[in-house]
Amino acid sequence: MTTLAKRGAFCLVVIVGAVLAAPAHAYIGPGAGLTAIGAVLALIAALLLAVVGFVWYPVKRLLRTRKANARERGAGPLEAKDQPHET
């Protein structure tokens, strides 16, 4: 049996199962609904924070390094106007 035939058979089983499924007539209380919503929001927040952690911190480190390198290149002997003087 080829991969395409296996895939087709699986899709057929899923479709038949969905069509022939009887309703459960079960009650889900508001606590379970709020828990599900909270879990989905927590999952989304965790994914966003993971993206921030993997993307933002290396970018921030790169910007800090470039700024430090620019400061080092521009640093040289102080000009006369930059010399501290007593008044």
C-alpha atoms as a PDB file:
ATOM      1  CA  MET A   1       0.000   0.000   0.000  1.00  0.00           C
ATOM      2  CA  THR A   2       1.495   3.347  -1.020  1.00  0.00           C
ATOM      3  CA  THR A   3       1.729   6.393   1.189  1.00  0.00           C
ATOM      4  CA  LEU A   4      -0.993   8.154  -0.792  1.00  0.00           C
ATOM      5  CA  ALA A   5      -3.332   5.178  -0.365  1.00  0.00           C
ATOM      6  CA  LYS A   6      -2.635   5.073   3.388  1.00  0.00           C
ATOM      7  CA  ARG A   7      -3.334   8.773   3.654  1.00  0.00           C
ATOM      8  CA  GLY A   8      -6.577   8.384   1.732  1.00  0.00           C
ATOM      9  CA  ALA A   9      -7.713   5.483   3.915  1.00  0.00           C
ATOM     10  CA  PHE A  10      -6.938   7.478   7.065  1.00  0.00           C
ATOM     11  CA  CYS A  11      -8.905  10.486   5.796  1.00  0.00           C
ATOM     12  CA  LEU A  12     -11.836   8.225   4.930  1.00  0.00           C
ATOM     13  CA  VAL A  13     -11.852   6.711   8.432  1.00  0.00           C
ATOM     14  CA  VAL A  14     -11.732  10.180  10.033  1.00  0.00           C
ATOM     15  CA  ILE A  15     -14.569  11.509   7.856  1.00  0.00           C
ATOM     16  CA  VAL A  16     -16.779   8.454   8.472  1.00  0.00           C
ATOM     17  CA  GLY A  17     -16.098   8.673  12.201  1.00  0.00           C
ATOM     18  CA  ALA A  18     -17.017  12.353  12.274  1.00  0.00           C
ATOM     19  CA  VAL A  19     -20.229  11.819  10.307  1.00  0.00           C
ATOM     20  CA  LEU A  20     -21.411   8.826  12.332  1.00  0.00           C
ATOM     21  CA  ALA A  21     -20.541  10.257  15.777  1.00  0.00           C
ATOM     22  CA  ALA A  22     -23.536  10.690  18.070  1.00  0.00           C
ATOM     23  CA  PRO A  23     -23.886  13.814  20.233  1.00  0.00           C
ATOM     24  CA  ALA A  24     -22.652  13.341  23.799  1.00  0.00           C
ATOM     25  CA  HIS A  25     -25.375  15.380  25.584  1.00  0.00           C
ATOM     26  CA  ALA A  26     -22.873  16.254  28.276  1.00  0.00           C
ATOM     27  CA  TYR A  27     -22.792  19.393  30.393  1.00  0.00           C
ATOM     28  CA  ILE A  28     -19.613  21.398  30.724  1.00  0.00           C
ATOM     29  CA  GLY A  29     -19.806  23.928  33.525  1.00  0.00           C
ATOM     30  CA  PRO A  30     -18.491  27.484  33.405  1.00  0.00           C
ATOM     31  CA  GLY A  31     -15.439  26.555  35.491  1.00  0.00           C
ATOM     32  CA  ALA A  32     -14.226  24.126  32.853  1.00  0.00           C
ATOM     33  CA  GLY A  33     -14.777  26.692  30.104  1.00  0.00           C
ATOM     34  CA  LEU A  34     -12.848  29.375  31.970  1.00  0.00           C
ATOM     35  CA  THR A  35     -10.073  26.901  32.672  1.00  0.00           C
ATOM     36  CA  ALA A  36      -9.840  26.013  28.991  1.00  0.00           C
ATOM     37  CA  ILE A  37      -9.759  29.689  27.989  1.00  0.00           C
ATOM     38  CA  GLY A  38      -7.079  30.376  30.613  1.00  0.00           C
ATOM     39  CA  ALA A  39      -4.992  27.449  29.413  1.00  0.00           C
ATOM     40  CA  VAL A  40      -5.173  28.609  25.792  1.00  0.00           C
ATOM     41  CA  LEU A  41      -4.213  32.171  26.772  1.00  0.00           C
ATOM     42  CA  ALA A  42      -1.311  30.860  28.872  1.00  0.00           C
ATOM     43  CA  LEU A  43      -0.109  28.735  25.948  1.00  0.00           C
ATOM     44  CA  ILE A  44      -0.223  31.738  23.601  1.00  0.00           C
ATOM     45  CA  ALA A  45       1.623  33.906  26.144  1.00  0.00           C
ATOM     46  CA  ALA A  46       4.291  31.221  26.622  1.00  0.00           C
ATOM     47  CA  LEU A  47       4.824  30.957  22.869  1.00  0.00           C
ATOM     48  CA  LEU A  48       5.120  34.741  22.524  1.00  0.00           C
ATOM     49  CA  LEU A  49       7.602  34.934  25.395  1.00  0.00           C
ATOM     50  CA  ALA A  50       9.621  32.116  23.852  1.00  0.00           C
ATOM     51  CA  VAL A  51       9.817  34.076  20.595  1.00  0.00           C
ATOM     52  CA  VAL A  52      10.874  37.185  22.516  1.00  0.00           C
ATOM     53  CA  GLY A  53      13.509  35.183  24.368  1.00  0.00           C
ATOM     54  CA  PHE A  54      14.967  33.626  21.245  1.00  0.00           C
ATOM     55  CA  VAL A  55      14.777  36.737  19.057  1.00  0.00           C
ATOM     56  CA  TRP A  56      14.890  39.899  21.171  1.00  0.00           C
ATOM     57  CA  TYR A  57      17.783  39.091  23.519  1.00  0.00           C
ATOM     58  CA  PRO A  58      20.290  38.243  20.758  1.00  0.00           C
ATOM     59  CA  VAL A  59      19.218  41.383  18.882  1.00  0.00           C
ATOM     60  CA  LYS A  60      19.631  43.445  22.057  1.00  0.00           C
ATOM     61  CA  ARG A  61      23.098  41.972  22.640  1.00  0.00           C
ATOM     62  CA  LEU A  62      24.051  42.723  19.014  1.00  0.00           C
ATOM     63  CA  LEU A  63      22.926  46.340  19.342  1.00  0.00           C
ATOM     64  CA  ARG A  64      24.816  46.749  22.632  1.00  0.00           C
ATOM     65  CA  THR A  65      27.983  45.277  21.058  1.00  0.00           C
ATOM     66  CA  ARG A  66      27.733  47.536  18.026  1.00  0.00           C
ATOM     67  CA  LYS A  67      27.224  50.569  20.267  1.00  0.00           C
ATOM     68  CA  ALA A  68      30.260  49.645  22.386  1.00  0.00           C
ATOM     69  CA  ASN A  69      32.390  49.104  19.275  1.00  0.00           C
ATOM     70  CA  ALA A  70      31.331  52.474  17.879  1.00  0.00           C
ATOM     71  CA  ARG A  71      32.211  54.118  21.187  1.00  0.00           C
ATOM     72  CA  GLU A  72      35.651  52.462  21.181  1.00  0.00           C
ATOM     73  CA  ARG A  73      36.361  53.556  17.615  1.00  0.00           C
ATOM     74  CA  GLY A  74      35.385  57.138  18.402  1.00  0.00           C
ATOM     75  CA  ALA A  75      37.367  57.282  21.631  1.00  0.00           C
ATOM     76  CA  GLY A  76      40.721  58.916  21.236  1.00  0.00           C
ATOM     77  CA  PRO A  77      42.785  61.605  22.904  1.00  0.00           C
ATOM     78  CA  LEU A  78      40.686  64.404  24.307  1.00  0.00           C
ATOM     79  CA  GLU A  79      40.715  67.599  22.337  1.00  0.00           C
ATOM     80  CA  ALA A  80      41.649  70.835  24.057  1.00  0.00           C
ATOM     81  CA  LYS A  81      38.022  71.918  24.407  1.00  0.00           C
ATOM     82  CA  ASP A  82      37.164  68.612  26.089  1.00  0.00           C
ATOM     83  CA  GLN A  83      39.976  68.838  28.648  1.00  0.00           C
ATOM     84  CA  PRO A  84      38.781  69.491  32.191  1.00  0.00           C
ATOM     85  CA  HIS A  85      39.842  72.875  33.431  1.00  0.00           C
ATOM     86  CA  GLU A  86      39.707  74.723  36.701  1.00  0.00           C
ATOM     87  CA  THR A  87      37.748  77.922  37.084  1.00  0.00           C
END
